[in-house]
Amino acid sequence: MAKSRVVPLKQITVPRLELQSAVEAVKLSSIMKAELKVNIDNEFFWSDSAIALGYIKNSEARYHIFVANRVEVIRKNSKVEHWFHIPDKENPADILSRGTSLLELLQSTWWSGPKFLRNLDIAVYLDDKTGNETTAVNDPEIKKPKNILSTNINVDSLAPCFEGFSSWSRLGQGYSKCKKDAERQKLE
C-alpha cells in the first residue's frame, strides 16, 4: 500500500513535511494491521530525512506544538527503534514527490519498493546510524529553555525596619527611608 499527498498551499518547512509523511506511514501501518488479519511480528519504518528521524528518536528535546504533536502520534503507533534511514536513491517515495511521467512511474520502484527489501538484505540499512538521536542545537523546532531566577532574602535583617507599620503605604514609605539610610551608611 502506498500513499502520496500534495504539499499544502500554506508554506511549510521541509522537515515538517517529512515528519508529516512519517505520521502518514504510521497511519497506513495501522490500516494495514486492521485490514490484513495477519499476525505481524515486526515492522520497519523508513525515512530519507535525518531531521525527521532525529525528532522521532530524540526523547530529551522539547519541541514546539506542530512537531511535538506529530512525534507523539508516531511514538504512540510505532516503536522508536523501528525507524531507520533509507538513502535518497533507494527511496521509492521520491519518485512522486519530484514529479515524473506516467511511463517513468510504471517502470519505477514505486510499485515494488526498493530492491534491498525484496532481497531481504536489510541488515546493512538497519546498522546505518544516519538518523541518529540528536538534533541540531539551533533547530527552530526545539523550544528554548527558560531561565528562572530566584533570590533569597535574609528576612531577619529586614524585620526591624518593618515592625510597627499599620498599612502598605506606610510600609512603603518606611522601606524607602530604611533603604536611603542603608545607602548613606555604605557611603560613610
N, C-alpha and C. Protein backbone atom coordinates (compact mmCIF):
# COMPACT_ATOMS: atom_id res chain seq x y z
N MET A 1 0.86 -1.17 0.00
CA MET A 1 0.00 0.00 0.00
C MET A 1 0.90 1.22 0.00
N ALA A 2 0.52 2.23 -0.73
CA ALA A 2 1.31 3.45 -0.81
C ALA A 2 0.38 4.65 -0.84
N LYS A 3 0.93 5.79 -0.49
CA LYS A 3 0.12 6.99 -0.46
C LYS A 3 1.04 8.18 -0.73
N SER A 4 0.52 9.14 -1.45
CA SER A 4 1.26 10.37 -1.70
C SER A 4 0.30 11.53 -1.47
N ARG A 5 0.83 12.63 -0.99
CA ARG A 5 0.00 13.80 -0.73
C ARG A 5 0.58 15.02 -1.44
N VAL A 6 -0.29 15.99 -1.68
CA VAL A 6 0.11 17.25 -2.28
C VAL A 6 0.51 18.20 -1.16
N VAL A 7 1.56 18.98 -1.39
CA VAL A 7 2.01 19.93 -0.39
C VAL A 7 0.94 21.02 -0.23
N PRO A 8 0.61 21.39 1.02
CA PRO A 8 -0.41 22.42 1.23
C PRO A 8 0.03 23.78 0.67
N LEU A 9 -0.95 24.63 0.36
CA LEU A 9 -0.64 25.96 -0.16
C LEU A 9 0.08 26.81 0.89
N LYS A 10 -0.30 26.62 2.14
CA LYS A 10 0.38 27.35 3.22
C LYS A 10 1.82 26.85 3.29
N GLN A 11 2.76 27.79 3.32
CA GLN A 11 4.17 27.39 3.32
C GLN A 11 4.50 26.62 4.59
N ILE A 12 5.24 25.54 4.40
CA ILE A 12 5.63 24.67 5.50
C ILE A 12 7.04 24.18 5.21
N THR A 13 7.85 24.06 6.24
CA THR A 13 9.25 23.67 6.04
C THR A 13 9.36 22.21 5.62
N VAL A 14 10.45 21.89 4.96
CA VAL A 14 10.68 20.52 4.50
C VAL A 14 10.76 19.54 5.68
N PRO A 15 11.47 19.85 6.77
CA PRO A 15 11.46 18.92 7.90
C PRO A 15 10.06 18.64 8.44
N ARG A 16 9.20 19.63 8.46
CA ARG A 16 7.82 19.42 8.91
C ARG A 16 7.07 18.53 7.93
N LEU A 17 7.30 18.73 6.63
CA LEU A 17 6.67 17.86 5.63
C LEU A 17 7.14 16.42 5.79
N GLU A 18 8.42 16.24 6.02
CA GLU A 18 8.97 14.90 6.21
C GLU A 18 8.38 14.25 7.47
N LEU A 19 8.22 15.03 8.52
CA LEU A 19 7.62 14.50 9.74
C LEU A 19 6.16 14.13 9.51
N GLN A 20 5.46 14.94 8.74
CA GLN A 20 4.07 14.63 8.41
C GLN A 20 3.99 13.34 7.60
N SER A 21 4.96 13.11 6.72
CA SER A 21 4.96 11.86 5.95
C SER A 21 5.19 10.66 6.87
N ALA A 22 5.96 10.84 7.94
CA ALA A 22 6.15 9.77 8.91
C ALA A 22 4.83 9.47 9.64
N VAL A 23 4.06 10.51 9.92
CA VAL A 23 2.73 10.31 10.53
C VAL A 23 1.85 9.50 9.58
N GLU A 24 1.89 9.84 8.30
CA GLU A 24 1.12 9.09 7.30
C GLU A 24 1.55 7.62 7.26
N ALA A 25 2.84 7.38 7.42
CA ALA A 25 3.35 6.00 7.41
C ALA A 25 2.76 5.18 8.57
N VAL A 26 2.72 5.77 9.77
CA VAL A 26 2.17 5.01 10.90
C VAL A 26 0.66 4.85 10.77
N LYS A 27 -0.02 5.82 10.15
CA LYS A 27 -1.46 5.67 9.90
C LYS A 27 -1.71 4.53 8.90
N LEU A 28 -0.90 4.48 7.84
CA LEU A 28 -1.02 3.39 6.87
C LEU A 28 -0.74 2.04 7.54
N SER A 29 0.23 2.02 8.42
CA SER A 29 0.55 0.79 9.13
C SER A 29 -0.65 0.32 9.95
N SER A 30 -1.30 1.25 10.64
CA SER A 30 -2.47 0.90 11.45
C SER A 30 -3.60 0.35 10.58
N ILE A 31 -3.81 0.97 9.41
CA ILE A 31 -4.84 0.50 8.48
C ILE A 31 -4.50 -0.91 8.00
N MET A 32 -3.25 -1.12 7.64
CA MET A 32 -2.83 -2.43 7.14
C MET A 32 -3.00 -3.52 8.20
N LYS A 33 -2.62 -3.21 9.43
CA LYS A 33 -2.75 -4.20 10.51
C LYS A 33 -4.22 -4.55 10.75
N ALA A 34 -5.08 -3.56 10.66
CA ALA A 34 -6.51 -3.80 10.90
C ALA A 34 -7.15 -4.59 9.76
N GLU A 35 -6.72 -4.36 8.54
CA GLU A 35 -7.35 -4.96 7.37
C GLU A 35 -6.78 -6.31 6.97
N LEU A 36 -5.51 -6.55 7.23
CA LEU A 36 -4.87 -7.77 6.74
C LEU A 36 -5.29 -9.04 7.48
N LYS A 37 -5.61 -8.93 8.72
CA LYS A 37 -5.97 -10.11 9.53
C LYS A 37 -4.83 -11.14 9.53
N VAL A 38 -3.61 -10.65 9.54
CA VAL A 38 -2.42 -11.49 9.57
C VAL A 38 -1.59 -11.06 10.76
N ASN A 39 -1.01 -12.01 11.46
CA ASN A 39 -0.15 -11.68 12.59
C ASN A 39 1.16 -11.08 12.08
N ILE A 40 1.45 -9.86 12.46
CA ILE A 40 2.68 -9.18 12.05
C ILE A 40 3.63 -9.19 13.24
N ASP A 41 4.76 -9.85 13.05
CA ASP A 41 5.74 -9.96 14.14
C ASP A 41 6.57 -8.69 14.30
N ASN A 42 6.91 -8.09 13.19
CA ASN A 42 7.81 -6.95 13.23
C ASN A 42 7.48 -6.01 12.09
N GLU A 43 7.74 -4.76 12.28
CA GLU A 43 7.55 -3.80 11.20
C GLU A 43 8.70 -2.80 11.25
N PHE A 44 9.02 -2.26 10.08
CA PHE A 44 10.10 -1.29 9.96
C PHE A 44 9.57 -0.07 9.23
N PHE A 45 10.01 1.10 9.67
CA PHE A 45 9.63 2.34 9.03
C PHE A 45 10.90 2.99 8.49
N TRP A 46 10.79 3.55 7.29
CA TRP A 46 11.95 4.12 6.61
C TRP A 46 11.69 5.58 6.25
N SER A 47 12.70 6.40 6.43
CA SER A 47 12.62 7.80 6.04
C SER A 47 13.97 8.24 5.51
N ASP A 48 13.96 9.10 4.50
CA ASP A 48 15.23 9.62 4.00
C ASP A 48 15.59 10.94 4.67
N SER A 49 14.81 11.35 5.66
CA SER A 49 15.04 12.62 6.36
C SER A 49 15.72 12.36 7.71
N ALA A 50 16.99 12.73 7.79
CA ALA A 50 17.71 12.58 9.07
C ALA A 50 17.11 13.49 10.13
N ILE A 51 16.58 14.64 9.73
CA ILE A 51 15.99 15.57 10.70
C ILE A 51 14.72 14.96 11.31
N ALA A 52 13.85 14.41 10.46
CA ALA A 52 12.61 13.80 10.97
C ALA A 52 12.95 12.61 11.87
N LEU A 53 13.93 11.82 11.49
CA LEU A 53 14.34 10.69 12.34
C LEU A 53 14.90 11.19 13.66
N GLY A 54 15.61 12.31 13.62
CA GLY A 54 16.12 12.91 14.86
C GLY A 54 14.99 13.33 15.78
N TYR A 55 13.93 13.93 15.21
CA TYR A 55 12.77 14.31 16.01
C TYR A 55 12.13 13.08 16.65
N ILE A 56 11.97 12.03 15.86
CA ILE A 56 11.29 10.83 16.34
C ILE A 56 12.10 10.14 17.43
N LYS A 57 13.41 10.07 17.25
CA LYS A 57 14.25 9.30 18.18
C LYS A 57 14.73 10.08 19.39
N ASN A 58 14.65 11.40 19.35
CA ASN A 58 15.15 12.20 20.46
C ASN A 58 14.10 12.28 21.55
N SER A 59 14.42 11.77 22.72
CA SER A 59 13.45 11.77 23.83
C SER A 59 13.70 12.90 24.82
N GLU A 60 14.76 13.68 24.61
CA GLU A 60 15.10 14.72 25.58
C GLU A 60 14.66 16.11 25.17
N ALA A 61 14.62 16.38 23.87
CA ALA A 61 14.27 17.72 23.41
C ALA A 61 12.78 17.99 23.60
N ARG A 62 12.47 19.24 23.85
CA ARG A 62 11.06 19.67 23.94
C ARG A 62 10.78 20.48 22.69
N TYR A 63 9.80 20.02 21.91
CA TYR A 63 9.51 20.62 20.62
C TYR A 63 8.32 21.57 20.70
N HIS A 64 8.25 22.45 19.70
CA HIS A 64 7.07 23.31 19.56
C HIS A 64 5.88 22.43 19.17
N ILE A 65 4.68 22.97 19.26
CA ILE A 65 3.44 22.21 19.18
C ILE A 65 3.33 21.35 17.92
N PHE A 66 3.61 21.89 16.74
CA PHE A 66 3.46 21.15 15.48
C PHE A 66 4.28 19.86 15.52
N VAL A 67 5.55 19.98 15.82
CA VAL A 67 6.44 18.81 15.85
C VAL A 67 6.09 17.90 17.01
N ALA A 68 5.82 18.46 18.18
CA ALA A 68 5.52 17.65 19.37
C ALA A 68 4.29 16.77 19.16
N ASN A 69 3.24 17.34 18.55
CA ASN A 69 2.02 16.55 18.31
C ASN A 69 2.27 15.41 17.35
N ARG A 70 3.02 15.65 16.30
CA ARG A 70 3.29 14.60 15.32
C ARG A 70 4.22 13.53 15.86
N VAL A 71 5.21 13.94 16.62
CA VAL A 71 6.12 12.96 17.25
C VAL A 71 5.33 12.08 18.21
N GLU A 72 4.39 12.66 18.93
CA GLU A 72 3.56 11.87 19.85
C GLU A 72 2.74 10.82 19.10
N VAL A 73 2.14 11.20 17.98
CA VAL A 73 1.35 10.25 17.18
C VAL A 73 2.25 9.12 16.68
N ILE A 74 3.44 9.47 16.23
CA ILE A 74 4.37 8.46 15.71
C ILE A 74 4.79 7.51 16.82
N ARG A 75 5.13 8.04 17.98
CA ARG A 75 5.57 7.19 19.09
C ARG A 75 4.45 6.32 19.65
N LYS A 76 3.22 6.81 19.60
CA LYS A 76 2.08 6.01 20.08
C LYS A 76 1.80 4.83 19.17
N ASN A 77 2.02 5.00 17.87
CA ASN A 77 1.63 3.99 16.90
C ASN A 77 2.79 3.19 16.33
N SER A 78 3.99 3.43 16.81
CA SER A 78 5.15 2.65 16.35
C SER A 78 6.22 2.69 17.44
N LYS A 79 7.18 1.81 17.29
CA LYS A 79 8.30 1.79 18.23
C LYS A 79 9.43 2.62 17.64
N VAL A 80 10.05 3.43 18.48
CA VAL A 80 11.13 4.31 18.03
C VAL A 80 12.27 3.50 17.39
N GLU A 81 12.54 2.34 17.95
CA GLU A 81 13.66 1.53 17.43
C GLU A 81 13.35 0.89 16.09
N HIS A 82 12.14 1.06 15.58
CA HIS A 82 11.77 0.51 14.27
C HIS A 82 11.86 1.55 13.15
N TRP A 83 12.44 2.69 13.44
CA TRP A 83 12.60 3.74 12.42
C TRP A 83 14.04 3.76 11.94
N PHE A 84 14.21 3.76 10.61
CA PHE A 84 15.54 3.68 10.01
C PHE A 84 15.67 4.65 8.84
N HIS A 85 16.90 4.92 8.50
CA HIS A 85 17.21 5.82 7.39
C HIS A 85 17.35 5.03 6.09
N ILE A 86 16.76 5.55 5.03
CA ILE A 86 16.91 4.99 3.70
C ILE A 86 17.57 6.05 2.83
N PRO A 87 18.59 5.69 2.06
CA PRO A 87 19.24 6.69 1.20
C PRO A 87 18.26 7.22 0.15
N ASP A 88 18.46 8.46 -0.27
CA ASP A 88 17.58 9.09 -1.26
C ASP A 88 17.43 8.26 -2.52
N LYS A 89 18.52 7.68 -2.99
CA LYS A 89 18.47 6.94 -4.27
C LYS A 89 17.64 5.66 -4.16
N GLU A 90 17.44 5.14 -2.94
CA GLU A 90 16.66 3.92 -2.73
C GLU A 90 15.20 4.20 -2.38
N ASN A 91 14.87 5.44 -2.11
CA ASN A 91 13.55 5.79 -1.60
C ASN A 91 12.52 5.88 -2.74
N PRO A 92 11.57 4.95 -2.79
CA PRO A 92 10.58 4.99 -3.87
C PRO A 92 9.60 6.16 -3.75
N ALA A 93 9.45 6.73 -2.57
CA ALA A 93 8.51 7.84 -2.39
C ALA A 93 8.99 9.10 -3.11
N ASP A 94 10.29 9.22 -3.33
CA ASP A 94 10.82 10.41 -4.00
C ASP A 94 10.38 10.51 -5.45
N ILE A 95 9.98 9.42 -6.04
CA ILE A 95 9.57 9.44 -7.44
C ILE A 95 8.38 10.38 -7.62
N LEU A 96 7.37 10.25 -6.78
CA LEU A 96 6.20 11.13 -6.90
C LEU A 96 6.46 12.53 -6.37
N SER A 97 7.26 12.65 -5.34
CA SER A 97 7.48 13.97 -4.76
C SER A 97 8.30 14.87 -5.68
N ARG A 98 9.07 14.30 -6.58
CA ARG A 98 9.88 15.10 -7.50
C ARG A 98 9.24 15.24 -8.87
N GLY A 99 8.11 14.59 -9.06
CA GLY A 99 7.43 14.67 -10.34
C GLY A 99 7.99 13.66 -11.33
N THR A 100 7.12 13.03 -12.07
CA THR A 100 7.54 12.01 -13.02
C THR A 100 6.48 11.83 -14.09
N SER A 101 6.89 11.25 -15.18
CA SER A 101 5.92 10.94 -16.23
C SER A 101 5.26 9.60 -15.91
N LEU A 102 4.17 9.29 -16.59
CA LEU A 102 3.47 8.04 -16.35
C LEU A 102 4.36 6.85 -16.70
N LEU A 103 5.09 6.95 -17.79
CA LEU A 103 5.98 5.85 -18.20
C LEU A 103 7.07 5.60 -17.16
N GLU A 104 7.68 6.69 -16.66
CA GLU A 104 8.71 6.54 -15.62
C GLU A 104 8.11 5.95 -14.35
N LEU A 105 6.89 6.36 -14.01
CA LEU A 105 6.22 5.83 -12.82
C LEU A 105 5.97 4.33 -12.96
N LEU A 106 5.52 3.89 -14.13
CA LEU A 106 5.25 2.47 -14.36
C LEU A 106 6.51 1.62 -14.25
N GLN A 107 7.67 2.19 -14.59
CA GLN A 107 8.93 1.45 -14.56
C GLN A 107 9.70 1.65 -13.25
N SER A 108 9.14 2.38 -12.34
CA SER A 108 9.85 2.74 -11.11
C SER A 108 9.67 1.71 -10.00
N THR A 109 10.37 1.97 -8.89
CA THR A 109 10.25 1.13 -7.70
C THR A 109 9.04 1.50 -6.86
N TRP A 110 8.26 2.47 -7.31
CA TRP A 110 7.06 2.85 -6.59
C TRP A 110 6.15 1.65 -6.36
N TRP A 111 6.08 0.75 -7.31
CA TRP A 111 5.17 -0.39 -7.26
C TRP A 111 5.73 -1.56 -6.46
N SER A 112 7.02 -1.66 -6.35
CA SER A 112 7.61 -2.85 -5.71
C SER A 112 8.47 -2.55 -4.49
N GLY A 113 8.81 -1.30 -4.31
CA GLY A 113 9.69 -0.95 -3.20
C GLY A 113 11.15 -1.12 -3.58
N PRO A 114 12.05 -0.70 -2.70
CA PRO A 114 13.48 -0.81 -3.01
C PRO A 114 13.94 -2.27 -3.10
N LYS A 115 14.98 -2.49 -3.87
CA LYS A 115 15.47 -3.85 -4.11
C LYS A 115 15.92 -4.54 -2.82
N PHE A 116 16.53 -3.80 -1.91
CA PHE A 116 17.05 -4.44 -0.69
C PHE A 116 15.92 -5.05 0.15
N LEU A 117 14.70 -4.52 0.04
CA LEU A 117 13.58 -5.12 0.76
C LEU A 117 13.13 -6.43 0.12
N ARG A 118 13.13 -6.46 -1.20
CA ARG A 118 12.73 -7.69 -1.92
C ARG A 118 13.77 -8.79 -1.72
N ASN A 119 15.02 -8.42 -1.62
CA ASN A 119 16.10 -9.41 -1.43
C ASN A 119 16.30 -9.75 0.04
N LEU A 120 15.52 -9.11 0.90
CA LEU A 120 15.64 -9.28 2.36
C LEU A 120 17.06 -9.01 2.83
N ASP A 121 17.68 -8.02 2.22
CA ASP A 121 19.05 -7.63 2.55
C ASP A 121 19.01 -6.32 3.34
N ILE A 122 18.25 -6.30 4.43
CA ILE A 122 18.05 -5.05 5.16
C ILE A 122 19.07 -4.84 6.28
N ALA A 123 19.89 -5.83 6.57
CA ALA A 123 20.83 -5.71 7.69
C ALA A 123 21.76 -4.52 7.53
N VAL A 124 22.18 -4.24 6.30
CA VAL A 124 23.08 -3.10 6.04
C VAL A 124 22.41 -1.80 6.44
N TYR A 125 21.13 -1.69 6.15
CA TYR A 125 20.41 -0.45 6.45
C TYR A 125 20.00 -0.35 7.90
N LEU A 126 19.83 -1.48 8.56
CA LEU A 126 19.47 -1.45 9.98
C LEU A 126 20.62 -0.98 10.84
N ASP A 127 21.86 -1.21 10.38
CA ASP A 127 23.04 -0.77 11.12
C ASP A 127 23.40 0.68 10.82
N ASP A 128 22.74 1.29 9.86
CA ASP A 128 23.05 2.65 9.45
C ASP A 128 22.66 3.61 10.57
N LYS A 129 23.57 4.46 10.97
CA LYS A 129 23.33 5.41 12.06
C LYS A 129 23.06 6.82 11.54
N THR A 130 22.66 6.95 10.29
CA THR A 130 22.43 8.28 9.71
C THR A 130 21.35 9.03 10.47
N GLY A 131 20.27 8.37 10.79
CA GLY A 131 19.19 9.02 11.52
C GLY A 131 19.41 8.90 13.01
N ASN A 132 20.44 9.56 13.52
CA ASN A 132 20.77 9.40 14.93
C ASN A 132 19.80 10.16 15.81
N GLU A 133 20.01 10.08 17.10
CA GLU A 133 19.04 10.62 18.04
C GLU A 133 19.32 12.06 18.43
N THR A 134 20.19 12.73 17.71
CA THR A 134 20.48 14.10 18.05
C THR A 134 19.84 15.04 17.05
N THR A 135 19.53 16.21 17.51
CA THR A 135 19.02 17.25 16.63
C THR A 135 19.92 18.46 16.77
N ALA A 136 19.93 19.30 15.79
CA ALA A 136 20.80 20.47 15.80
C ALA A 136 20.44 21.39 16.97
N VAL A 137 21.44 21.97 17.56
CA VAL A 137 21.23 22.85 18.72
C VAL A 137 20.40 24.07 18.32
N ASN A 138 20.61 24.57 17.10
CA ASN A 138 19.91 25.77 16.67
C ASN A 138 18.63 25.46 15.88
N ASP A 139 18.11 24.25 16.00
CA ASP A 139 16.90 23.85 15.30
C ASP A 139 15.74 24.71 15.79
N PRO A 140 15.00 25.37 14.87
CA PRO A 140 13.92 26.25 15.31
C PRO A 140 12.73 25.51 15.91
N GLU A 141 12.65 24.20 15.74
CA GLU A 141 11.54 23.43 16.29
C GLU A 141 11.74 23.06 17.76
N ILE A 142 12.94 23.24 18.27
CA ILE A 142 13.22 22.91 19.67
C ILE A 142 12.97 24.14 20.53
N LYS A 143 12.18 23.94 21.58
CA LYS A 143 11.89 25.05 22.48
C LYS A 143 13.16 25.46 23.21
N LYS A 144 13.35 26.74 23.32
CA LYS A 144 14.49 27.27 24.06
C LYS A 144 14.20 27.15 25.55
N PRO A 145 15.19 26.75 26.33
CA PRO A 145 14.95 26.63 27.77
C PRO A 145 14.71 28.01 28.39
N LYS A 146 13.84 28.05 29.35
CA LYS A 146 13.53 29.29 30.06
C LYS A 146 14.44 29.40 31.28
N ASN A 147 14.94 30.58 31.52
CA ASN A 147 15.76 30.82 32.70
C ASN A 147 14.87 31.27 33.85
N ILE A 148 15.03 30.64 34.98
CA ILE A 148 14.27 31.01 36.16
C ILE A 148 15.27 31.45 37.22
N LEU A 149 15.07 32.64 37.72
CA LEU A 149 15.96 33.19 38.73
C LEU A 149 15.23 33.28 40.05
N SER A 150 15.95 33.02 41.12
CA SER A 150 15.35 33.18 42.44
C SER A 150 16.31 33.97 43.32
N THR A 151 15.75 34.66 44.25
CA THR A 151 16.55 35.47 45.16
C THR A 151 16.20 35.10 46.58
N ASN A 152 17.21 34.93 47.40
CA ASN A 152 16.99 34.67 48.82
C ASN A 152 17.26 35.95 49.60
N ILE A 153 16.34 36.29 50.46
CA ILE A 153 16.49 37.49 51.28
C ILE A 153 16.52 37.07 52.74
N ASN A 154 17.46 37.62 53.45
CA ASN A 154 17.54 37.36 54.88
C ASN A 154 16.49 38.23 55.57
N VAL A 155 15.37 37.61 55.91
CA VAL A 155 14.23 38.34 56.48
C VAL A 155 14.59 38.93 57.84
N ASP A 156 15.43 38.26 58.59
CA ASP A 156 15.77 38.74 59.93
C ASP A 156 16.43 40.12 59.88
N SER A 157 17.19 40.40 58.82
CA SER A 157 17.86 41.70 58.75
C SER A 157 16.88 42.81 58.37
N LEU A 158 15.78 42.45 57.72
CA LEU A 158 14.80 43.47 57.33
C LEU A 158 13.69 43.65 58.36
N ALA A 159 13.48 42.67 59.22
CA ALA A 159 12.37 42.70 60.17
C ALA A 159 12.31 43.97 61.02
N PRO A 160 13.41 44.45 61.56
CA PRO A 160 13.31 45.67 62.38
C PRO A 160 12.79 46.88 61.62
N CYS A 161 13.06 46.93 60.31
CA CYS A 161 12.59 48.06 59.52
C CYS A 161 11.08 48.03 59.32
N PHE A 162 10.47 46.82 59.35
CA PHE A 162 9.04 46.69 59.01
C PHE A 162 8.12 46.64 60.22
N GLU A 163 8.65 46.57 61.40
CA GLU A 163 7.80 46.49 62.59
C GLU A 163 7.12 47.82 62.85
N GLY A 164 5.88 47.75 63.25
CA GLY A 164 5.17 48.96 63.67
C GLY A 164 4.46 49.71 62.56
N PHE A 165 4.37 49.17 61.38
CA PHE A 165 3.65 49.84 60.28
C PHE A 165 2.23 49.29 60.21
N SER A 166 1.25 50.18 60.05
CA SER A 166 -0.16 49.77 60.06
C SER A 166 -0.75 49.58 58.67
N SER A 167 -0.07 50.04 57.63
CA SER A 167 -0.61 49.90 56.27
C SER A 167 0.54 49.69 55.27
N TRP A 168 0.15 49.25 54.06
CA TRP A 168 1.14 49.03 53.00
C TRP A 168 1.80 50.34 52.57
N SER A 169 1.03 51.38 52.52
CA SER A 169 1.60 52.66 52.07
C SER A 169 2.64 53.16 53.09
N ARG A 170 2.33 53.03 54.37
CA ARG A 170 3.30 53.45 55.38
C ARG A 170 4.53 52.54 55.38
N LEU A 171 4.29 51.24 55.09
CA LEU A 171 5.42 50.31 54.99
C LEU A 171 6.31 50.70 53.82
N GLY A 172 5.70 51.08 52.70
CA GLY A 172 6.47 51.52 51.52
C GLY A 172 7.30 52.75 51.85
N GLN A 173 6.70 53.70 52.54
CA GLN A 173 7.43 54.90 52.93
C GLN A 173 8.57 54.55 53.87
N GLY A 174 8.27 53.67 54.81
CA GLY A 174 9.30 53.25 55.78
C GLY A 174 10.43 52.48 55.09
N TYR A 175 10.08 51.61 54.13
CA TYR A 175 11.10 50.86 53.40
C TYR A 175 12.01 51.82 52.64
N SER A 176 11.39 52.81 52.02
CA SER A 176 12.16 53.80 51.27
C SER A 176 13.15 54.51 52.20
N LYS A 177 12.68 54.86 53.38
CA LYS A 177 13.56 55.54 54.34
C LYS A 177 14.68 54.61 54.80
N CYS A 178 14.35 53.33 55.08
CA CYS A 178 15.37 52.36 55.50
C CYS A 178 16.42 52.16 54.42
N LYS A 179 15.95 52.13 53.16
CA LYS A 179 16.87 51.93 52.04
C LYS A 179 17.82 53.11 51.92
N LYS A 180 17.28 54.31 52.05
CA LYS A 180 18.13 55.51 51.97
C LYS A 180 19.15 55.52 53.11
N ASP A 181 18.71 55.13 54.32
CA ASP A 181 19.62 55.08 55.46
C ASP A 181 20.74 54.05 55.21
N ALA A 182 20.40 52.91 54.65
CA ALA A 182 21.39 51.88 54.37
C ALA A 182 22.39 52.35 53.33
N GLU A 183 21.91 53.07 52.31
CA GLU A 183 22.82 53.59 51.29
C GLU A 183 23.75 54.63 51.87
N ARG A 184 23.23 55.47 52.75
CA ARG A 184 24.06 56.50 53.39
C ARG A 184 25.15 55.86 54.25
N GLN A 185 24.80 54.77 54.94
CA GLN A 185 25.78 54.08 55.78
C GLN A 185 26.89 53.46 54.95
N LYS A 186 26.54 52.97 53.75
CA LYS A 186 27.55 52.37 52.87
C LYS A 186 28.53 53.44 52.38
N LEU A 187 28.05 54.65 52.14
CA LEU A 187 28.89 55.73 51.65
C LEU A 187 29.85 56.25 52.71
N GLU A 188 29.49 56.11 53.98
CA GLU A 188 30.34 56.63 55.06
C GLU A 188 31.47 55.76 55.34
